[in-house]
Protein backbone atom coordinates (compact mmCIF):
# COMPACT_ATOMS: atom_id res chain seq x y z
CA MET A 1 111.54 81.21 108.75
CA PHE A 2 108.20 81.48 107.45
CA ASP A 3 106.92 81.38 111.15
CA VAL A 4 109.26 84.10 112.11
CA ILE A 5 108.11 86.30 109.25
CA TYR A 6 104.39 85.83 109.41
CA LEU A 7 104.37 85.92 113.14
CA SER A 8 106.26 89.19 113.27
CA PHE A 9 104.12 90.74 110.66
CA GLY A 10 101.13 89.22 112.69
CA VAL A 11 102.33 91.10 115.85
CA ALA A 12 102.85 94.43 114.20
CA ALA A 13 99.30 94.20 112.52
CA TRP A 14 97.64 93.26 115.98
CA ALA A 15 99.45 96.35 117.38
CA ILE A 16 97.85 98.45 114.83
CA VAL A 17 94.46 96.84 115.55
CA GLY A 18 94.97 97.71 119.25
CA TYR A 19 95.71 101.29 118.54
CA LYS A 20 92.83 101.67 116.12
CA SER A 21 90.57 100.26 118.61
CA VAL A 22 91.52 102.33 121.24
CA ALA A 23 90.80 105.38 119.09
CA TRP A 24 87.35 103.75 118.08
CA PHE A 25 86.27 103.37 121.60
CA ARG A 26 86.86 107.10 122.30
CA ASP A 27 84.85 107.98 119.26
CA ARG A 28 82.31 105.07 118.72
CA SER A 29 80.13 107.35 116.25
CA ASN A 30 83.02 107.08 113.70
CA ALA A 31 81.73 104.18 111.75
CA ASP A 32 84.55 104.26 109.31
CA LEU A 33 87.07 104.04 112.05
CA GLY A 34 85.08 101.08 113.44
CA LEU A 35 85.33 99.50 109.84
CA ALA A 36 88.97 100.04 109.75
CA CYS A 37 89.47 98.34 112.91
CA VAL A 38 87.50 95.18 111.57
CA MET A 39 89.15 95.36 108.30
CA THR A 40 92.78 95.53 109.86
CA GLY A 41 91.94 92.74 112.28
CA GLY A 42 91.08 90.68 109.14
CA VAL A 43 94.52 91.36 107.90
CA ALA A 44 96.34 90.33 111.12
CA THR A 45 94.63 87.21 111.50
CA VAL A 46 95.63 86.38 107.79
CA PHE A 47 99.15 86.90 108.90
CA LEU A 48 98.77 84.86 112.08
CA PHE A 49 97.34 81.64 110.40
CA SER A 50 99.87 82.02 107.59
CA ALA A 51 102.43 80.85 110.08
CA PRO A 52 102.70 77.10 109.38
CA SER A 53 103.21 76.20 112.93
CA VAL A 54 100.01 78.17 113.84
CA TYR A 55 98.25 76.51 110.87
CA ARG A 56 99.23 72.98 111.79
CA ALA A 57 98.62 73.55 115.75
CA PHE A 58 94.93 74.64 114.74
CA ASP A 59 94.27 71.69 112.64
CA ARG A 60 95.60 69.59 115.50
CA LEU A 61 93.51 71.22 117.83
CA THR A 62 90.24 71.07 115.67
CA GLY A 63 91.07 67.55 114.26
CA VAL A 64 90.17 68.79 110.87
CA ALA A 65 92.89 69.09 108.31
CA ASN A 66 93.31 72.26 106.56
CA LEU A 67 90.66 74.04 108.55
CA ALA A 68 93.02 76.71 109.39
CA MET A 69 92.77 77.70 105.62
CA VAL A 70 88.95 78.28 106.08
CA PHE A 71 89.73 80.61 108.94
CA LEU A 72 92.46 82.32 107.04
CA TYR A 73 90.44 83.02 103.90
CA SER A 74 87.45 83.80 106.12
CA SER A 75 89.50 86.63 107.66
CA VAL A 76 90.44 87.77 103.87
CA VAL A 77 86.38 87.86 103.39
CA VAL A 78 85.88 89.84 106.49
CA PHE A 79 88.31 92.19 105.01
CA ALA A 80 86.35 92.43 101.80
CA ALA A 81 82.97 92.88 103.39
CA GLY A 82 84.58 95.55 105.28
CA ALA A 83 85.77 97.06 102.20
CA LEU A 84 82.04 96.76 100.35
CA VAL A 85 80.51 98.64 103.27
CA LEU A 86 83.11 101.35 103.50
CA LEU A 87 82.73 101.97 99.71
CA LEU A 88 78.88 102.15 99.97
CA ARG A 89 79.39 104.68 102.93
CA TRP A 90 81.86 106.75 100.93
CA THR A 91 79.44 106.75 98.06
CA GLY A 92 76.07 107.07 99.61
CA GLY A 93 75.67 110.87 99.57
CA GLU A 94 74.52 113.19 102.69
CA GLY A 95 71.22 113.28 104.57
CA ALA A 96 69.14 110.99 106.61
CA ASP A 97 67.60 109.25 103.55
CA ALA A 98 71.00 108.78 102.01
CA ARG A 99 72.36 107.12 105.41
CA ALA A 100 69.32 105.05 105.71
CA ARG A 101 69.77 103.87 101.99
CA VAL A 102 73.48 103.25 102.86
CA ARG A 103 72.57 101.00 105.83
CA ARG A 104 70.13 99.06 103.82
CA ARG A 105 72.69 98.32 100.90
CA ALA A 106 75.22 97.65 103.35
CA ARG A 107 73.02 94.93 105.21
CA ILE A 108 72.42 93.41 101.73
CA ALA A 109 76.00 93.42 100.76
CA VAL A 110 77.21 91.80 104.02
CA ALA A 111 74.42 89.11 103.64
CA SER A 112 75.17 88.35 100.00
CA VAL A 113 78.92 87.89 101.00
CA ALA A 114 78.04 85.77 103.96
CA ALA A 115 75.68 83.62 101.56
CA LEU A 116 78.56 83.20 98.84
CA TRP A 117 81.08 82.29 101.80
CA ALA A 118 78.76 79.76 103.43
CA VAL A 119 78.40 78.27 99.78
CA ALA A 120 82.14 78.11 99.62
CA ILE A 121 82.70 76.52 102.88
CA CYS A 122 80.30 73.70 102.08
CA GLY A 123 82.42 73.21 98.90
CA PHE A 124 85.48 72.86 101.27
CA ALA A 125 83.43 70.57 103.65
CA VAL A 126 82.23 68.10 100.96
CA GLY A 127 85.10 68.24 98.55
CA ARG A 128 88.19 67.39 100.52
CA PRO A 129 89.52 64.33 99.04
CA ASP A 130 92.22 63.66 101.83
CA ALA A 131 93.27 64.92 105.30
CA VAL A 132 96.88 65.84 104.33
CA GLU A 133 97.77 69.24 105.65
CA HIS A 134 98.80 71.86 102.85
CA PRO A 135 99.87 75.27 104.66
CA ARG A 136 101.98 76.17 101.73
CA ASP A 137 100.25 74.65 98.60
CA PHE A 138 96.50 74.28 99.29
CA SER A 139 95.39 75.75 96.03
CA THR A 140 97.68 73.73 93.74
CA ALA A 141 97.13 70.40 95.88
CA TYR A 142 93.28 70.30 95.15
CA THR A 143 92.82 71.58 91.58
CA ASP A 144 91.25 68.32 90.84
CA SER A 145 88.65 68.52 93.60
CA PRO A 146 85.54 70.63 92.58
CA GLY A 147 84.27 71.23 95.93
CA VAL A 148 87.78 72.96 96.97
CA MET A 149 87.79 74.83 93.78
CA LEU A 150 84.55 76.30 94.30
CA PHE A 151 85.71 77.28 97.78
CA LEU A 152 88.76 78.92 96.33
CA VAL A 153 87.15 80.51 93.24
CA LEU A 154 84.44 82.10 95.43
CA TYR A 155 87.01 83.30 97.79
CA LEU A 156 88.94 84.98 94.86
CA ALA A 157 85.90 86.44 93.41
CA ILE A 158 84.75 88.15 96.57
CA PHE A 159 88.43 89.39 97.42
CA GLY A 160 89.11 90.46 93.92
CA LEU A 161 85.66 92.55 93.58
CA SER A 162 86.25 94.25 96.74
CA SER A 163 89.96 95.26 96.07
CA ALA A 164 89.15 96.25 92.69
CA ALA A 165 86.44 98.64 93.81
CA LEU A 166 88.73 99.99 96.92
CA GLY A 167 91.65 100.44 94.73
CA THR A 168 89.44 102.48 92.22
CA LEU A 169 87.70 104.84 94.76
CA CYS A 170 90.66 105.58 97.23
CA PRO A 171 92.68 107.56 94.75
CA ARG A 172 89.83 109.43 93.88
CA TYR A 173 89.33 110.30 97.53
CA ALA A 174 92.97 111.12 98.01
CA ALA A 175 92.93 113.57 95.28
CA GLN A 176 90.51 115.80 97.20
CA LEU A 177 92.61 115.70 100.44
CA GLY A 178 95.66 117.25 99.19
CA GLY A 179 98.74 116.43 100.88
CA THR A 180 97.46 115.14 104.16
CA HIS A 181 98.72 111.88 105.75
CA LEU A 182 95.25 110.41 105.19
CA ALA A 183 95.62 111.19 101.45
CA ARG A 184 99.03 109.38 101.62
CA GLY A 185 97.43 106.49 103.52
CA LEU A 186 94.52 105.96 100.87
CA ARG A 187 97.06 105.97 98.13
CA VAL A 188 99.18 103.22 99.76
CA LEU A 189 95.86 101.17 100.62
CA ALA A 190 94.91 101.45 96.97
CA ALA A 191 98.28 100.29 95.85
CA GLY A 192 98.04 97.33 98.17
CA CYS A 193 94.51 96.57 96.81
CA TRP A 194 95.82 96.34 93.18
CA LEU A 195 98.68 94.27 94.35
CA GLY A 196 96.10 91.96 95.86
CA LEU A 197 94.50 91.78 92.32
CA VAL A 198 97.76 90.46 91.03
CA TYR A 199 97.66 87.66 93.66
CA CYS A 200 94.11 86.80 92.35
CA ALA A 201 95.33 86.76 88.84
CA CYS A 202 98.39 84.47 89.72
CA LYS A 203 96.11 82.21 91.60
CA VAL A 204 93.63 81.80 88.45
CA ILE A 205 96.19 81.51 85.98
CA GLY A 206 97.54 78.88 88.27
CA PHE A 207 94.39 76.97 88.04
CA VAL A 208 94.14 77.22 84.44
CA LEU A 209 97.55 76.09 83.83
CA SER A 210 97.04 73.00 86.04
CA TRP A 211 93.80 72.23 84.40
CA THR A 212 95.44 72.11 81.15
CA GLY A 213 98.22 70.01 82.34
CA HIS A 214 101.11 72.62 82.55
CA PRO A 215 101.17 73.27 86.39
CA ALA A 216 103.32 76.44 87.34
CA LEU A 217 104.02 75.86 91.04
CA TRP A 218 106.43 78.64 91.00
CA LEU A 219 103.51 81.17 90.23
CA SER A 220 100.76 79.51 92.60
CA ASN A 221 102.93 78.82 95.37
CA GLY A 222 105.76 81.38 95.04
CA VAL A 223 104.72 84.59 93.29
CA ALA A 224 101.09 84.52 94.52
CA PRO A 225 101.74 84.22 98.34
CA LEU A 226 104.53 86.68 97.86
CA SER A 227 102.39 89.34 96.12
CA ALA A 228 99.66 88.69 98.87
CA SER A 229 101.91 89.24 101.69
CA VAL A 230 103.43 92.44 100.39
CA ALA A 231 99.65 93.65 99.69
CA ALA A 232 98.58 92.90 103.17
CA LEU A 233 101.55 95.00 104.36
CA MET A 234 100.64 97.95 102.28
CA VAL A 235 97.17 97.79 103.45
CA LEU A 236 98.21 97.84 106.77
CA ALA A 237 100.58 100.78 106.17
CA GLY A 238 97.68 102.62 104.44
CA PHE A 239 95.28 102.15 107.60
CA ALA A 240 98.37 103.14 109.98
CA LEU A 241 99.74 106.00 108.07
CA PRO A 242 96.76 108.65 108.85
CA ALA A 243 97.48 107.87 112.58
CA ALA A 244 101.24 107.20 112.41
CA GLY A 245 102.26 110.15 109.97
CA PRO A 246 101.00 113.00 112.34
CA ARG A 247 102.91 111.21 115.30
CA VAL A 248 106.20 110.71 113.36
CA ALA A 249 106.02 114.34 112.14
CA ALA A 250 105.17 115.62 115.70
CA TRP A 251 108.31 113.38 116.99
CA ARG A 252 110.31 115.10 114.39
CA ARG A 253 109.37 118.62 115.33
CA LEU A 254 109.86 117.86 118.94
CA ARG A 255 113.41 116.43 118.35
CA ARG A 256 114.30 119.61 116.49
CA LEU A 257 112.67 122.11 118.80
CA SER A 258 113.68 120.58 122.04
CA PRO A 259 117.43 122.17 122.18
CA LEU A 260 115.99 125.60 121.44
CA TRP A 261 113.00 125.18 124.12
CA ARG A 262 115.34 123.79 126.72
CA THR A 263 117.97 126.64 126.20
CA VAL A 264 115.41 129.52 126.42
CA THR A 265 113.16 128.01 129.18
CA ALA A 266 116.20 127.52 131.26
CA GLN A 267 116.53 131.10 131.58
CA THR A 268 112.80 131.88 131.90
CA PRO A 269 111.30 128.91 133.68
CA GLU A 270 108.35 130.76 134.74
CA VAL A 271 106.81 130.15 131.31
CA THR A 272 106.79 126.28 131.48
CA MET A 273 103.86 124.32 132.57
CA GLY A 274 105.80 121.21 133.87
CA SER A 275 105.69 117.86 132.37
CA PRO A 276 102.91 115.34 133.15
CA ALA A 277 103.84 112.28 134.67
CA TRP A 278 102.90 110.10 131.76
CA SER A 279 105.25 111.96 129.57
CA VAL A 280 108.12 110.96 131.87
CA ARG A 281 107.01 107.25 131.89
CA TRP A 282 106.41 107.12 128.16
CA PRO A 283 108.43 109.56 126.11
CA PHE A 284 106.32 108.95 122.91
CA ALA A 285 102.79 110.02 124.54
CA ASP A 286 101.09 113.05 122.98
CA LEU A 287 103.92 114.04 120.92
CA GLU A 288 101.94 116.60 119.14
CA TRP A 289 100.69 117.94 122.33
CA ARG A 290 104.14 118.29 123.67
CA ALA A 291 105.31 119.87 120.34
CA ASN A 292 102.39 122.54 120.50
CA ARG A 293 103.34 123.18 123.93
CA GLN A 294 107.06 123.83 123.45
CA MET A 295 106.36 126.15 120.41
CA ALA A 296 104.01 128.10 122.59
CA GLU A 297 106.37 128.47 125.49
CA ILE A 298 109.26 129.56 123.10
CA ARG A 299 106.64 132.23 121.69
CA ASP A 300 105.83 133.26 125.19
CA VAL A 301 109.53 133.68 125.87
CA GLN A 302 109.81 135.89 122.85
CA ARG A 303 106.84 138.06 123.83
CA GLY A 304 108.35 138.45 127.15
CA ILE A 305 111.73 139.71 126.11
CA ARG A 306 111.05 141.86 123.26
CA ARG A 307 111.26 145.01 125.29
CA HIS A 308 114.86 143.88 126.21
CA VAL A 309 115.74 143.57 122.28
CA GLU A 310 117.15 146.75 120.43
CA SER A 311 114.62 147.93 117.84
CA ASP A 312 117.52 147.56 114.91
CA ALA A 313 118.44 144.12 116.16
CA VAL A 314 116.19 142.39 113.48
CA ASP A 315 117.30 144.63 110.68
CA ILE A 316 121.02 144.16 111.43
CA ALA A 317 120.55 140.34 111.57
CA ARG A 318 118.97 140.60 108.26
CA GLU A 319 121.56 142.67 106.76
CA ARG A 320 124.33 140.19 107.86
CA ALA A 321 122.37 137.27 106.69
CA ARG A 322 122.01 138.97 103.20
CA ALA A 323 125.78 139.53 103.07
CA VAL A 324 126.33 135.72 103.03
CA ALA A 325 123.58 135.12 100.43
CA LEU A 326 120.95 133.23 102.50
CA ASP A 327 117.48 132.48 101.46
CA ASP A 328 114.49 134.17 102.80
CA ARG A 329 113.65 131.08 105.14
CA GLN A 330 117.14 131.34 106.50
CA LEU A 331 117.10 135.19 106.61
CA ALA A 332 114.12 135.08 108.79
CA ALA A 333 115.28 132.28 111.01
CA VAL A 334 118.71 134.20 111.56
CA ALA A 335 116.68 137.37 112.36
CA GLU A 336 114.64 135.84 114.77
CA ALA A 337 117.29 133.72 116.40
CA ALA A 338 119.61 136.91 116.89
CA ALA A 339 116.75 138.82 118.54
CA LEU A 340 116.04 135.93 120.98
CA ARG A 341 119.57 135.54 121.97
CA ARG A 342 119.82 139.32 122.35
CA GLY A 343 116.64 139.67 124.33
CA LEU A 344 117.72 136.97 126.78
CA GLU A 345 121.18 138.34 127.06
CA ASN A 346 120.22 141.46 128.00
CA ARG A 347 117.24 140.38 130.19
CA ALA A 348 119.97 138.47 132.18
CA VAL A 349 121.89 141.62 133.12
CA GLY A 350 118.55 143.77 133.54
CA HIS A 351 119.37 145.86 130.53
CA VAL A 352 116.46 147.49 128.65
CA PRO A 353 117.32 149.49 125.52
CA ASP A 354 115.94 153.08 125.13
CA HIS A 355 114.18 151.90 122.00
CA GLY A 356 112.98 148.19 122.28
CA ALA A 357 111.65 145.99 119.37
CA ASP A 358 107.98 146.06 118.58
CA SER A 359 108.11 142.43 118.02
CA VAL A 360 110.60 139.68 117.63
CA VAL A 361 108.55 137.06 116.08
CA VAL A 362 108.99 136.98 112.27
CA ALA A 363 106.61 134.37 111.25
CA ASN A 364 103.57 132.56 112.85
CA GLY A 365 100.20 131.18 111.58
CA THR A 366 97.02 129.91 112.87
CA ASP A 367 95.42 127.62 110.17
CA PRO A 368 97.36 124.09 109.88
CA ALA A 369 99.20 124.75 106.83
CA GLU A 370 100.60 128.12 108.42
CA LEU A 371 101.31 126.20 111.72
CA ALA A 372 103.11 123.73 109.90
CA ALA A 373 105.26 126.48 108.29
CA GLU A 374 105.80 128.02 111.70
CA TYR A 375 107.16 124.80 113.12
CA GLU A 376 109.52 124.46 110.28
CA HIS A 377 110.58 128.00 110.90
CA LEU A 378 111.20 127.66 114.47
CA ALA A 379 113.09 124.53 113.66
CA LEU A 380 115.44 126.77 111.50
CA VAL A 381 115.64 129.07 114.25
CA ALA A 382 116.90 126.24 116.36
CA ASP A 383 119.33 125.08 113.92
CA VAL A 384 121.19 128.54 113.63
CA TYR A 385 120.70 129.65 117.30
CA HIS A 386 124.26 128.76 118.24
CA SER A 387 125.72 129.64 114.67
CA PRO A 388 128.76 131.80 114.27
CA LEU A 389 126.64 134.36 112.17
CA ILE A 390 124.46 134.91 115.41
CA ASP A 391 127.71 135.43 117.26
CA THR A 392 128.65 138.00 114.88
CA VAL A 393 125.46 139.83 114.99
CA LEU A 394 125.61 139.64 118.97
CA THR A 395 129.08 140.96 118.96
CA GLU A 396 128.00 144.08 116.54
CA LEU A 397 124.98 144.90 118.65
CA ARG A 398 127.23 144.86 121.96
CA GLN A 399 129.62 147.27 120.40
CA ARG A 400 126.74 149.49 119.14
CA SER A 401 125.25 149.50 122.71
CA SER A 402 128.67 150.14 124.20
CA VAL A 403 129.23 153.14 121.94
CA ALA A 404 125.61 154.64 122.59
CA HIS A 405 126.37 154.35 126.31
CA GLY A 406 129.97 155.38 126.16
């Protein structure tokens, strides 16, 4: 069971590493993104070596019992070193002098971690009392071995220090970013770091209890690895959220806009740009670009049909919407949907009213916040486009047009 769980998490983690690496190769000047790739790779390697079958296979391959644990913990140390460098970059200030100072401090931090970890590995090498594999209970099996304890204590100190620092700083930066996906990712990352400290505390308490003759295997071998696994998943989620969040939001927008887009462009195919071949082969490619394109093409249709919409169409739709006690957002969506349907209907029969509408667009925006609101507005337009209320408004407009031309 542990093999399936950890290997599944490992595959997902390496997929995130691959995605971030592709993004970094496109923008190699983004050092923070490069560090995120390294840190995510460290977490992914932890999941890989946590699978007991991989752990034992690695030991058989190398001929050294529990050497896989060194690689597993080394991956955590790589994450910790990346976290320290990231912290130095975030707190280093602006300007050439500040950047030079950050680089110097980062080199010192990485060298210090490397030196401490070299001491820890030496402790492991000289302190192993036997050659028995312990993939699940390594920390409790060697509590009486000073060398292994040195290895474990230095590991927990490095990981705990970096987790505490990153867990403290991430929420501060998240508070400056508002409701963005990056802010959410930083908060999830911080929560993962604090849960990582729970893991460290469980391990240390387990050591103390073992030394005092009251071993708590449930704490060291149960609660500690469980908290570490959940913490690692939260860290991965925190790194993935800034990239995955906008894609999920774009997919939702695309899913809600597509029915309206297909309806209006079927009657006005000249506004469409055509779908690239890659979007046919891979439906999740460039979701945000496709959502932007669909919204732009819907707006193009609206601008093209406004002369086919009666000047009072929007006002009539608003009145009917108020009559059924709709809120302002729904009222605007009903007005725009009615004008759009009426314009397409008149255009299809070649009818141009004597007094056309100046505009059939009720809401739009240019900055990110306004653009998100416009997406939501158009999604509401799509929701009510075929509603009975719109049918009622169109029936009234047809009757008025018949009377005017009778």
